[in-house]
């Protein structure tokens, strides 16, 4: 399935309410509300985690994709090597890709492509997941929700 940057996927868009997401995807397999201000709905069969942040009025703020059948611009990214991300940067698919954090203890790092609103989590040289977020302005303020 294709990820649409700053927007969502299929009939799911960032900014949806919990009721709207439940209507679109059904009940989640797991609801995790252990972290204060955040509720994460996990759909194991789709390989996604949908986060509702309190500071976003409880709307769908981010989606994390964890399976290789999710594509970005028709390209498989999850499960590919760290070097593959750098090749996609050279091709212009991930135009402003940069390393944002490195965790030597876990042999992990995080890359971000701010223009596309995506972060990539890499462990042992392989992309484990990518997280999509809405469009923000230069001061870090969310500009709009995709549905208008």
Protein backbone atom coordinates (compact mmCIF):
# COMPACT_ATOMS: atom_id res chain seq x y z
CA UNK A 1 0.00 0.00 0.00
CA UNK A 2 1.15 3.52 -0.77
CA UNK A 3 1.95 6.16 1.85
CA UNK A 4 0.88 9.68 0.86
CA UNK A 5 3.27 12.13 2.54
CA UNK A 6 1.77 14.66 4.98
CA UNK A 7 -1.64 13.08 4.31
CA UNK A 8 -2.06 9.38 5.16
CA UNK A 9 -2.85 6.22 3.23
CA UNK A 10 -5.93 4.67 1.65
CA UNK A 11 -8.96 6.27 3.30
CA UNK A 12 -6.99 7.30 6.41
CA UNK A 13 -5.77 10.89 6.85
CA UNK A 14 -3.78 12.58 9.56
CA UNK A 15 -6.06 14.69 11.75
CA UNK A 16 -8.83 12.08 11.92
CA UNK A 17 -10.68 11.58 15.19
CA UNK A 18 -10.65 8.20 16.91
CA UNK A 19 -14.23 7.57 15.74
CA UNK A 20 -13.27 8.36 12.14
CA UNK A 21 -10.27 6.01 12.27
CA UNK A 22 -12.37 3.28 13.89
CA UNK A 23 -14.90 3.67 11.07
CA UNK A 24 -12.11 3.49 8.43
CA UNK A 25 -10.08 0.58 9.87
CA UNK A 26 -12.22 -1.04 12.54
CA UNK A 27 -11.21 -1.58 16.14
CA UNK A 28 -7.46 -1.69 16.79
CA UNK A 29 -5.83 -4.91 17.97
CA UNK A 30 -4.13 -3.08 20.84
CA UNK A 31 -4.66 0.29 22.50
CA UNK A 32 -1.61 1.55 24.40
CA UNK A 33 -2.09 4.60 26.60
CA UNK A 34 0.88 4.05 28.91
CA UNK A 35 2.59 7.27 27.83
CA UNK A 36 0.95 10.42 29.20
CA UNK A 37 -0.67 12.57 26.52
CA UNK A 38 -0.50 9.84 23.89
CA UNK A 39 -2.78 7.00 22.85
CA UNK A 40 -1.41 4.52 20.32
CA UNK A 41 -3.73 2.29 18.31
CA UNK A 42 -1.94 -0.75 16.93
CA UNK A 43 -3.28 -2.59 13.89
CA UNK A 44 -1.06 -5.67 13.79
CA UNK A 45 -2.49 -7.07 10.55
CA UNK A 46 -1.66 -3.81 8.73
CA UNK A 47 1.69 -3.30 10.44
CA UNK A 48 0.85 0.22 11.60
CA UNK A 49 0.71 2.23 14.81
CA UNK A 50 -1.59 5.25 14.87
CA UNK A 51 -0.82 7.90 17.48
CA UNK A 52 -3.32 10.36 18.95
CA UNK A 53 -1.57 13.20 20.80
CA UNK A 54 -3.40 15.28 23.40
CA UNK A 55 -1.76 18.50 22.14
CA UNK A 56 -3.40 17.84 18.76
CA UNK A 57 -6.89 17.71 20.32
CA UNK A 58 -6.64 13.92 20.37
CA UNK A 59 -6.51 13.71 16.58
CA UNK A 60 -4.42 11.25 14.58
CA UNK A 61 -0.99 12.91 14.70
CA UNK A 62 1.45 10.32 13.38
CA UNK A 63 1.37 6.92 11.73
CA UNK A 64 4.25 4.46 11.99
CA UNK A 65 4.57 1.82 9.28
CA UNK A 66 6.43 -1.41 10.09
CA UNK A 67 5.93 -3.78 7.15
CA UNK A 68 7.77 -3.86 3.81
CA UNK A 69 4.57 -3.85 1.77
CA UNK A 70 4.13 -0.13 2.57
CA UNK A 71 5.64 1.97 -0.22
CA UNK A 72 6.68 5.58 -0.66
CA UNK A 73 6.63 6.91 -4.23
CA UNK A 74 6.26 3.28 -5.30
CA UNK A 75 9.50 2.31 -3.54
CA UNK A 76 9.82 -0.31 -0.81
CA UNK A 77 11.80 1.18 2.06
CA UNK A 78 11.09 -0.90 5.18
CA UNK A 79 13.48 -3.82 5.34
CA UNK A 80 15.97 -2.13 3.02
CA UNK A 81 19.47 -1.06 4.00
CA UNK A 82 20.60 2.25 5.37
CA UNK A 83 22.53 2.70 2.11
CA UNK A 84 19.26 2.35 0.17
CA UNK A 85 17.94 5.46 1.96
CA UNK A 86 21.03 7.38 0.87
CA UNK A 87 20.51 6.20 -2.73
CA UNK A 88 16.90 7.48 -2.58
CA UNK A 89 18.26 10.83 -1.41
CA UNK A 90 20.59 10.95 -4.42
CA UNK A 91 17.62 10.11 -6.70
CA UNK A 92 15.69 13.04 -5.21
CA UNK A 93 13.01 10.86 -3.62
CA UNK A 94 14.16 11.79 -0.09
CA UNK A 95 15.48 15.28 -0.90
CA UNK A 96 16.55 16.55 2.53
CA UNK A 97 17.30 13.25 4.28
CA UNK A 98 19.60 13.72 7.26
CA UNK A 99 20.79 11.74 10.25
CA UNK A 100 19.07 13.15 13.34
CA UNK A 101 20.04 10.73 16.13
CA UNK A 102 22.46 7.89 16.66
CA UNK A 103 22.20 5.23 19.37
CA UNK A 104 25.41 3.20 19.42
CA UNK A 105 24.19 1.07 22.33
CA UNK A 106 21.36 -0.34 20.18
CA UNK A 107 23.22 -0.12 16.86
CA UNK A 108 20.38 2.17 15.79
CA UNK A 109 19.82 5.59 14.33
CA UNK A 110 17.09 7.87 13.11
CA UNK A 111 16.96 9.74 9.82
CA UNK A 112 14.47 12.46 8.94
CA UNK A 113 13.20 13.84 5.67
CA UNK A 114 11.52 17.02 6.89
CA UNK A 115 10.14 18.08 3.48
CA UNK A 116 8.19 14.83 3.30
CA UNK A 117 7.32 14.70 7.01
CA UNK A 118 8.88 11.28 7.58
CA UNK A 119 11.36 9.80 10.03
CA UNK A 120 13.09 6.46 9.53
CA UNK A 121 14.22 4.16 12.36
CA UNK A 122 17.21 2.01 11.45
CA UNK A 123 18.63 -0.86 13.50
CA UNK A 124 21.64 -2.93 12.51
CA UNK A 125 21.79 -1.11 9.17
CA UNK A 126 18.21 -1.90 8.14
CA UNK A 127 15.08 0.29 8.02
CA UNK A 128 12.72 -1.08 10.69
CA UNK A 129 9.97 1.52 10.40
CA UNK A 130 9.01 4.91 9.10
CA UNK A 131 6.79 7.47 10.78
CA UNK A 132 4.73 10.05 8.91
CA UNK A 133 3.65 13.38 10.39
CA UNK A 134 1.70 16.41 9.08
CA UNK A 135 3.19 19.49 7.44
CA UNK A 136 4.76 22.07 9.79
CA UNK A 137 5.96 25.60 9.15
CA UNK A 138 9.50 26.88 9.85
CA UNK A 139 8.60 27.66 13.48
CA UNK A 140 7.34 24.14 14.15
CA UNK A 141 3.63 24.96 14.00
CA UNK A 142 1.38 22.48 12.25
CA UNK A 143 0.11 24.25 9.12
CA UNK A 144 -3.04 22.26 8.48
CA UNK A 145 -4.68 18.88 8.69
CA UNK A 146 -4.84 17.19 5.26
CA UNK A 147 -8.63 17.03 5.16
CA UNK A 148 -8.89 20.81 5.09
